[in-house]
Amino acid sequence: MNTIKFKQNGSTPGVVLDKESGMFQFTGESFPEDPYEFFNPIFQWFDTYSENPLQSTVIDFQLSYFNTVSAKNFLHIMGQLEQ
């Protein structure tokens, strides 16, 4: 499974999704101009991850600000993991 690493860039958060190390992290601020473009690869990654997850999954949110659209997308991610 490929690792996703996005650097924090103004309106988008830093993201690390690394199954091998067990690191799932969102940092900074999140108010992307195109939420679909930003979050879609993350949703796809978690779809794949949920097929064979680690025994324990911890997501570290270190966000100083996120807008309503980002909140909805973070809730979608958590919903993917609940299943």
PDB file of N, CA and C in Angstrom:
ATOM      1  N   MET A   1       0.836  -1.172   0.000  1.00  0.00           N
ATOM      2  CA  MET A   1       0.000   0.000   0.000  1.00  0.00           C
ATOM      3  C   MET A   1       0.883   1.238   0.000  1.00  0.00           C
ATOM      4  N   ASN A   2       0.629   2.156  -0.921  1.00  0.00           N
ATOM      5  CA  ASN A   2       1.431   3.361  -1.034  1.00  0.00           C
ATOM      6  C   ASN A   2       1.169   4.318   0.123  1.00  0.00           C
ATOM      7  N   THR A   3       2.212   5.012   0.515  1.00  0.00           N
ATOM      8  CA  THR A   3       2.107   6.042   1.536  1.00  0.00           C
ATOM      9  C   THR A   3       1.711   7.349   0.868  1.00  0.00           C
ATOM     10  N   ILE A   4       0.810   8.076   1.524  1.00  0.00           N
ATOM     11  CA  ILE A   4       0.437   9.414   1.048  1.00  0.00           C
ATOM     12  C   ILE A   4       1.086  10.427   1.973  1.00  0.00           C
ATOM     13  N   LYS A   5       1.797  11.382   1.397  1.00  0.00           N
ATOM     14  CA  LYS A   5       2.380  12.481   2.153  1.00  0.00           C
ATOM     15  C   LYS A   5       2.119  13.772   1.388  1.00  0.00           C
ATOM     16  N   PHE A   6       1.326  14.644   1.982  1.00  0.00           N
ATOM     17  CA  PHE A   6       1.080  15.974   1.427  1.00  0.00           C
ATOM     18  C   PHE A   6       1.656  16.988   2.404  1.00  0.00           C
ATOM     19  N   LYS A   7       2.437  17.925   1.901  1.00  0.00           N
ATOM     20  CA  LYS A   7       2.922  19.005   2.751  1.00  0.00           C
ATOM     21  C   LYS A   7       1.820  20.029   2.937  1.00  0.00           C
ATOM     22  N   GLN A   8       1.805  20.627   4.119  1.00  0.00           N
ATOM     23  CA  GLN A   8       0.855  21.701   4.370  1.00  0.00           C
ATOM     24  C   GLN A   8       1.119  22.812   3.362  1.00  0.00           C
ATOM     25  N   ASN A   9       0.037  23.314   2.757  1.00  0.00           N
ATOM     26  CA  ASN A   9       0.204  24.300   1.690  1.00  0.00           C
ATOM     27  C   ASN A   9      -0.918  25.336   1.778  1.00  0.00           C
ATOM     28  N   GLY A  10      -0.753  26.332   2.602  1.00  0.00           N
ATOM     29  CA  GLY A  10      -1.758  27.382   2.697  1.00  0.00           C
ATOM     30  C   GLY A  10      -3.089  26.870   3.183  1.00  0.00           C
ATOM     31  N   SER A  11      -3.965  26.539   2.253  1.00  0.00           N
ATOM     32  CA  SER A  11      -5.328  26.147   2.609  1.00  0.00           C
ATOM     33  C   SER A  11      -5.510  24.639   2.776  1.00  0.00           C
ATOM     34  N   THR A  12      -4.474  23.862   2.517  1.00  0.00           N
ATOM     35  CA  THR A  12      -4.590  22.408   2.658  1.00  0.00           C
ATOM     36  C   THR A  12      -3.669  21.910   3.774  1.00  0.00           C
ATOM     37  N   PRO A  13      -4.136  20.914   4.514  1.00  0.00           N
ATOM     38  CA  PRO A  13      -3.334  20.424   5.641  1.00  0.00           C
ATOM     39  C   PRO A  13      -2.196  19.521   5.194  1.00  0.00           C
ATOM     40  N   GLY A  14      -1.232  19.370   6.092  1.00  0.00           N
ATOM     41  CA  GLY A  14      -0.239  18.332   5.901  1.00  0.00           C
ATOM     42  C   GLY A  14      -0.902  17.000   6.189  1.00  0.00           C
ATOM     43  N   VAL A  15      -0.597  15.996   5.388  1.00  0.00           N
ATOM     44  CA  VAL A  15      -1.218  14.681   5.548  1.00  0.00           C
ATOM     45  C   VAL A  15      -0.133  13.617   5.450  1.00  0.00           C
ATOM     46  N   VAL A  16      -0.149  12.682   6.390  1.00  0.00           N
ATOM     47  CA  VAL A  16       0.699  11.492   6.311  1.00  0.00           C
ATOM     48  C   VAL A  16      -0.209  10.292   6.557  1.00  0.00           C
ATOM     49  N   LEU A  17      -0.258   9.410   5.581  1.00  0.00           N
ATOM     50  CA  LEU A  17      -1.004   8.155   5.691  1.00  0.00           C
ATOM     51  C   LEU A  17      -0.026   7.040   5.353  1.00  0.00           C
ATOM     52  N   ASP A  18       0.523   6.431   6.384  1.00  0.00           N
ATOM     53  CA  ASP A  18       1.564   5.418   6.211  1.00  0.00           C
ATOM     54  C   ASP A  18       1.195   4.176   7.010  1.00  0.00           C
ATOM     55  N   LYS A  19       0.680   3.185   6.319  1.00  0.00           N
ATOM     56  CA  LYS A  19       0.217   1.966   6.987  1.00  0.00           C
ATOM     57  C   LYS A  19       1.356   1.239   7.678  1.00  0.00           C
ATOM     58  N   GLU A  20       2.523   1.193   7.071  1.00  0.00           N
ATOM     59  CA  GLU A  20       3.634   0.438   7.647  1.00  0.00           C
ATOM     60  C   GLU A  20       4.072   0.983   8.997  1.00  0.00           C
ATOM     61  N   SER A  21       4.093   2.304   9.142  1.00  0.00           N
ATOM     62  CA  SER A  21       4.490   2.889  10.420  1.00  0.00           C
ATOM     63  C   SER A  21       3.300   3.100  11.340  1.00  0.00           C
ATOM     64  N   GLY A  22       2.097   2.960  10.800  1.00  0.00           N
ATOM     65  CA  GLY A  22       0.892   3.206  11.581  1.00  0.00           C
ATOM     66  C   GLY A  22       0.628   4.679  11.814  1.00  0.00           C
ATOM     67  N   MET A  23       1.235   5.553  10.981  1.00  0.00           N
ATOM     68  CA  MET A  23       1.066   6.991  11.149  1.00  0.00           C
ATOM     69  C   MET A  23      -0.039   7.508  10.233  1.00  0.00           C
ATOM     70  N   PHE A  24      -1.059   8.087  10.838  1.00  0.00           N
ATOM     71  CA  PHE A  24      -2.170   8.694  10.114  1.00  0.00           C
ATOM     72  C   PHE A  24      -2.347  10.079  10.729  1.00  0.00           C
ATOM     73  N   GLN A  25      -1.940  11.108  10.008  1.00  0.00           N
ATOM     74  CA  GLN A  25      -1.861  12.428  10.627  1.00  0.00           C
ATOM     75  C   GLN A  25      -2.339  13.527   9.684  1.00  0.00           C
ATOM     76  N   PHE A  26      -3.085  14.471  10.258  1.00  0.00           N
ATOM     77  CA  PHE A  26      -3.515  15.685   9.564  1.00  0.00           C
ATOM     78  C   PHE A  26      -3.057  16.867  10.406  1.00  0.00           C
ATOM     79  N   THR A  27      -2.306  17.806   9.808  1.00  0.00           N
ATOM     80  CA  THR A  27      -1.766  18.936  10.559  1.00  0.00           C
ATOM     81  C   THR A  27      -2.001  20.255   9.831  1.00  0.00           C
ATOM     82  N   GLY A  28      -2.057  21.322  10.606  1.00  0.00           N
ATOM     83  CA  GLY A  28      -2.152  22.665  10.019  1.00  0.00           C
ATOM     84  C   GLY A  28      -3.569  23.171   9.932  1.00  0.00           C
ATOM     85  N   GLU A  29      -3.926  23.678   8.764  1.00  0.00           N
ATOM     86  CA  GLU A  29      -5.247  24.230   8.502  1.00  0.00           C
ATOM     87  C   GLU A  29      -5.849  23.555   7.281  1.00  0.00           C
ATOM     88  N   SER A  30      -7.180  23.462   7.256  1.00  0.00           N
ATOM     89  CA  SER A  30      -7.850  22.794   6.147  1.00  0.00           C
ATOM     90  C   SER A  30      -9.068  23.590   5.682  1.00  0.00           C
ATOM     91  N   PHE A  31      -8.888  24.243   4.549  1.00  0.00           N
ATOM     92  CA  PHE A  31      -9.991  24.915   3.853  1.00  0.00           C
ATOM     93  C   PHE A  31      -9.679  24.939   2.360  1.00  0.00           C
ATOM     94  N   PRO A  32      -9.547  23.737   1.754  1.00  0.00           N
ATOM     95  CA  PRO A  32      -9.124  23.650   0.349  1.00  0.00           C
ATOM     96  C   PRO A  32     -10.133  24.293  -0.600  1.00  0.00           C
ATOM     97  N   GLU A  33      -9.601  24.896  -1.662  1.00  0.00           N
ATOM     98  CA  GLU A  33     -10.460  25.505  -2.687  1.00  0.00           C
ATOM     99  C   GLU A  33     -11.302  24.457  -3.397  1.00  0.00           C
ATOM    100  N   ASP A  34     -10.705  23.306  -3.674  1.00  0.00           N
ATOM    101  CA  ASP A  34     -11.427  22.216  -4.328  1.00  0.00           C
ATOM    102  C   ASP A  34     -11.369  20.991  -3.412  1.00  0.00           C
ATOM    103  N   PRO A  35     -12.305  20.896  -2.480  1.00  0.00           N
ATOM    104  CA  PRO A  35     -12.263  19.787  -1.516  1.00  0.00           C
ATOM    105  C   PRO A  35     -12.295  18.411  -2.174  1.00  0.00           C
ATOM    106  N   TYR A  36     -13.057  18.262  -3.261  1.00  0.00           N
ATOM    107  CA  TYR A  36     -13.131  16.959  -3.934  1.00  0.00           C
ATOM    108  C   TYR A  36     -11.746  16.549  -4.422  1.00  0.00           C
ATOM    109  N   GLU A  37     -11.052  17.449  -5.074  1.00  0.00           N
ATOM    110  CA  GLU A  37      -9.728  17.140  -5.608  1.00  0.00           C
ATOM    111  C   GLU A  37      -8.753  16.787  -4.485  1.00  0.00           C
ATOM    112  N   PHE A  38      -8.843  17.509  -3.377  1.00  0.00           N
ATOM    113  CA  PHE A  38      -7.918  17.255  -2.281  1.00  0.00           C
ATOM    114  C   PHE A  38      -8.252  15.953  -1.541  1.00  0.00           C
ATOM    115  N   PHE A  39      -9.519  15.748  -1.178  1.00  0.00           N
ATOM    116  CA  PHE A  39      -9.888  14.621  -0.323  1.00  0.00           C
ATOM    117  C   PHE A  39     -10.093  13.308  -1.076  1.00  0.00           C
ATOM    118  N   ASN A  40     -10.379  13.330  -2.366  1.00  0.00           N
ATOM    119  CA  ASN A  40     -10.656  12.092  -3.093  1.00  0.00           C
ATOM    120  C   ASN A  40      -9.531  11.059  -2.985  1.00  0.00           C
ATOM    121  N   PRO A  41      -8.242  11.425  -3.181  1.00  0.00           N
ATOM    122  CA  PRO A  41      -7.198  10.403  -3.026  1.00  0.00           C
ATOM    123  C   PRO A  41      -7.116   9.865  -1.592  1.00  0.00           C
ATOM    124  N   ILE A  42      -7.462  10.687  -0.622  1.00  0.00           N
ATOM    125  CA  ILE A  42      -7.460  10.252   0.771  1.00  0.00           C
ATOM    126  C   ILE A  42      -8.586   9.240   1.001  1.00  0.00           C
ATOM    127  N   PHE A  43      -9.775   9.529   0.452  1.00  0.00           N
ATOM    128  CA  PHE A  43     -10.893   8.579   0.555  1.00  0.00           C
ATOM    129  C   PHE A  43     -10.520   7.246  -0.088  1.00  0.00           C
ATOM    130  N   GLN A  44      -9.898   7.299  -1.259  1.00  0.00           N
ATOM    131  CA  GLN A  44      -9.514   6.072  -1.954  1.00  0.00           C
ATOM    132  C   GLN A  44      -8.491   5.284  -1.145  1.00  0.00           C
ATOM    133  N   TRP A  45      -7.546   5.997  -0.517  1.00  0.00           N
ATOM    134  CA  TRP A  45      -6.533   5.337   0.301  1.00  0.00           C
ATOM    135  C   TRP A  45      -7.205   4.613   1.463  1.00  0.00           C
ATOM    136  N   PHE A  46      -8.130   5.295   2.152  1.00  0.00           N
ATOM    137  CA  PHE A  46      -8.809   4.666   3.283  1.00  0.00           C
ATOM    138  C   PHE A  46      -9.731   3.537   2.844  1.00  0.00           C
ATOM    139  N   ASP A  47     -10.295   3.601   1.639  1.00  0.00           N
ATOM    140  CA  ASP A  47     -11.072   2.463   1.112  1.00  0.00           C
ATOM    141  C   ASP A  47     -10.190   1.223   1.027  1.00  0.00           C
ATOM    142  N   THR A  48      -8.994   1.393   0.479  1.00  0.00           N
ATOM    143  CA  THR A  48      -8.051   0.285   0.356  1.00  0.00           C
ATOM    144  C   THR A  48      -7.588  -0.181   1.734  1.00  0.00           C
ATOM    145  N   TYR A  49      -7.271   0.779   2.601  1.00  0.00           N
ATOM    146  CA  TYR A  49      -6.815   0.452   3.956  1.00  0.00           C
ATOM    147  C   TYR A  49      -7.867  -0.351   4.712  1.00  0.00           C
ATOM    148  N   SER A  50      -9.125   0.007   4.573  1.00  0.00           N
ATOM    149  CA  SER A  50     -10.189  -0.655   5.340  1.00  0.00           C
ATOM    150  C   SER A  50     -10.374  -2.120   4.937  1.00  0.00           C
ATOM    151  N   GLU A  51      -9.841  -2.527   3.792  1.00  0.00           N
ATOM    152  CA  GLU A  51      -9.905  -3.931   3.389  1.00  0.00           C
ATOM    153  C   GLU A  51      -8.998  -4.811   4.242  1.00  0.00           C
ATOM    154  N   ASN A  52      -7.896  -4.212   4.755  1.00  0.00           N
ATOM    155  CA  ASN A  52      -6.940  -4.949   5.582  1.00  0.00           C
ATOM    156  C   ASN A  52      -6.308  -3.979   6.584  1.00  0.00           C
ATOM    157  N   PRO A  53      -7.104  -3.527   7.572  1.00  0.00           N
ATOM    158  CA  PRO A  53      -6.598  -2.505   8.487  1.00  0.00           C
ATOM    159  C   PRO A  53      -5.650  -3.081   9.538  1.00  0.00           C
ATOM    160  N   LEU A  54      -4.912  -2.177  10.177  1.00  0.00           N
ATOM    161  CA  LEU A  54      -4.103  -2.548  11.329  1.00  0.00           C
ATOM    162  C   LEU A  54      -5.033  -2.943  12.471  1.00  0.00           C
ATOM    163  N   GLN A  55      -4.494  -3.623  13.459  1.00  0.00           N
ATOM    164  CA  GLN A  55      -5.320  -4.052  14.591  1.00  0.00           C
ATOM    165  C   GLN A  55      -5.925  -2.851  15.317  1.00  0.00           C
ATOM    166  N   SER A  56      -5.176  -1.767  15.384  1.00  0.00           N
ATOM    167  CA  SER A  56      -5.657  -0.546  16.020  1.00  0.00           C
ATOM    168  C   SER A  56      -5.346   0.617  15.083  1.00  0.00           C
ATOM    169  N   THR A  57      -6.317   1.493  14.875  1.00  0.00           N
ATOM    170  CA  THR A  57      -6.129   2.640  13.992  1.00  0.00           C
ATOM    171  C   THR A  57      -6.281   3.912  14.799  1.00  0.00           C
ATOM    172  N   VAL A  58      -5.247   4.751  14.768  1.00  0.00           N
ATOM    173  CA  VAL A  58      -5.271   6.035  15.457  1.00  0.00           C
ATOM    174  C   VAL A  58      -4.967   7.115  14.437  1.00  0.00           C
ATOM    175  N   ILE A  59      -5.868   8.091  14.351  1.00  0.00           N
ATOM    176  CA  ILE A  59      -5.641   9.230  13.466  1.00  0.00           C
ATOM    177  C   ILE A  59      -5.358  10.436  14.344  1.00  0.00           C
ATOM    178  N   ASP A  60      -4.264  11.111  14.080  1.00  0.00           N
ATOM    179  CA  ASP A  60      -3.828  12.268  14.852  1.00  0.00           C
ATOM    180  C   ASP A  60      -4.213  13.540  14.099  1.00  0.00           C
ATOM    181  N   PHE A  61      -5.193  14.260  14.621  1.00  0.00           N
ATOM    182  CA  PHE A  61      -5.603  15.535  14.042  1.00  0.00           C
ATOM    183  C   PHE A  61      -4.946  16.648  14.843  1.00  0.00           C
ATOM    184  N   GLN A  62      -4.044  17.372  14.223  1.00  0.00           N
ATOM    185  CA  GLN A  62      -3.407  18.531  14.848  1.00  0.00           C
ATOM    186  C   GLN A  62      -3.722  19.741  13.975  1.00  0.00           C
ATOM    187  N   LEU A  63      -4.993  20.086  13.948  1.00  0.00           N
ATOM    188  CA  LEU A  63      -5.468  21.160  13.073  1.00  0.00           C
ATOM    189  C   LEU A  63      -5.806  22.396  13.900  1.00  0.00           C
ATOM    190  N   SER A  64      -5.258  23.527  13.493  1.00  0.00           N
ATOM    191  CA  SER A  64      -5.580  24.773  14.185  1.00  0.00           C
ATOM    192  C   SER A  64      -6.857  25.388  13.634  1.00  0.00           C
ATOM    193  N   TYR A  65      -7.238  25.003  12.413  1.00  0.00           N
ATOM    194  CA  TYR A  65      -8.477  25.503  11.810  1.00  0.00           C
ATOM    195  C   TYR A  65      -8.919  24.540  10.722  1.00  0.00           C
ATOM    196  N   PHE A  66     -10.231  24.306  10.627  1.00  0.00           N
ATOM    197  CA  PHE A  66     -10.802  23.595   9.484  1.00  0.00           C
ATOM    198  C   PHE A  66     -12.212  24.120   9.279  1.00  0.00           C
ATOM    199  N   ASN A  67     -12.604  24.220   8.012  1.00  0.00           N
ATOM    200  CA  ASN A  67     -13.930  24.749   7.699  1.00  0.00           C
ATOM    201  C   ASN A  67     -14.971  23.625   7.714  1.00  0.00           C
ATOM    202  N   THR A  68     -16.210  24.001   7.476  1.00  0.00           N
ATOM    203  CA  THR A  68     -17.319  23.051   7.532  1.00  0.00           C
ATOM    204  C   THR A  68     -17.160  21.930   6.511  1.00  0.00           C
ATOM    205  N   VAL A  69     -16.742  22.259   5.322  1.00  0.00           N
ATOM    206  CA  VAL A  69     -16.572  21.239   4.278  1.00  0.00           C
ATOM    207  C   VAL A  69     -15.500  20.239   4.692  1.00  0.00           C
ATOM    208  N   SER A  70     -14.417  20.738   5.262  1.00  0.00           N
ATOM    209  CA  SER A  70     -13.370  19.823   5.740  1.00  0.00           C
ATOM    210  C   SER A  70     -13.888  18.947   6.861  1.00  0.00           C
ATOM    211  N   ALA A  71     -14.666  19.515   7.774  1.00  0.00           N
ATOM    212  CA  ALA A  71     -15.235  18.730   8.875  1.00  0.00           C
ATOM    213  C   ALA A  71     -16.078  17.581   8.328  1.00  0.00           C
ATOM    214  N   LYS A  72     -16.885  17.861   7.318  1.00  0.00           N
ATOM    215  CA  LYS A  72     -17.713  16.818   6.710  1.00  0.00           C
ATOM    216  C   LYS A  72     -16.846  15.729   6.090  1.00  0.00           C
ATOM    217  N   ASN A  73     -15.749  16.138   5.459  1.00  0.00           N
ATOM    218  CA  ASN A  73     -14.853  15.157   4.848  1.00  0.00           C
ATOM    219  C   ASN A  73     -14.118  14.331   5.898  1.00  0.00           C
ATOM    220  N   PHE A  74     -13.722  14.943   7.001  1.00  0.00           N
ATOM    221  CA  PHE A  74     -13.097  14.181   8.082  1.00  0.00           C
ATOM    222  C   PHE A  74     -14.094  13.178   8.681  1.00  0.00           C
ATOM    223  N   LEU A  75     -15.341  13.575   8.825  1.00  0.00           N
ATOM    224  CA  LEU A  75     -16.367  12.656   9.308  1.00  0.00           C
ATOM    225  C   LEU A  75     -16.581  11.501   8.336  1.00  0.00           C
ATOM    226  N   HIS A  76     -16.490  11.796   7.038  1.00  0.00           N
ATOM    227  CA  HIS A  76     -16.603  10.734   6.033  1.00  0.00           C
ATOM    228  C   HIS A  76     -15.477   9.719   6.207  1.00  0.00           C
ATOM    229  N   ILE A  77     -14.273  10.200   6.451  1.00  0.00           N
ATOM    230  CA  ILE A  77     -13.127   9.303   6.674  1.00  0.00           C
ATOM    231  C   ILE A  77     -13.386   8.419   7.883  1.00  0.00           C
ATOM    232  N   MET A  78     -13.857   9.018   8.961  1.00  0.00           N
ATOM    233  CA  MET A  78     -14.132   8.230  10.162  1.00  0.00           C
ATOM    234  C   MET A  78     -15.253   7.214   9.915  1.00  0.00           C
ATOM    235  N   GLY A  79     -16.221   7.588   9.097  1.00  0.00           N
ATOM    236  CA  GLY A  79     -17.273   6.645   8.729  1.00  0.00           C
ATOM    237  C   GLY A  79     -16.730   5.465   7.941  1.00  0.00           C
ATOM    238  N   GLN A  80     -15.765   5.747   7.053  1.00  0.00           N
ATOM    239  CA  GLN A  80     -15.133   4.654   6.305  1.00  0.00           C
ATOM    240  C   GLN A  80     -14.472   3.672   7.268  1.00  0.00           C
ATOM    241  N   LEU A  81     -13.842   4.195   8.304  1.00  0.00           N
ATOM    242  CA  LEU A  81     -13.117   3.341   9.240  1.00  0.00           C
ATOM    243  C   LEU A  81     -14.052   2.572  10.168  1.00  0.00           C
ATOM    244  N   GLU A  82     -15.215   3.140  10.463  1.00  0.00           N
ATOM    245  CA  GLU A  82     -16.174   2.437  11.310  1.00  0.00           C
ATOM    246  C   GLU A  82     -16.645   1.133  10.682  1.00  0.00           C
ATOM    247  N   GLN A  83     -16.778   1.140   9.372  1.00  0.00           N
ATOM    248  CA  GLN A  83     -17.255  -0.041   8.670  1.00  0.00           C
ATOM    249  C   GLN A  83     -16.198  -1.094   8.704  1.00  0.00           C
TER     250      GLN A  83
END
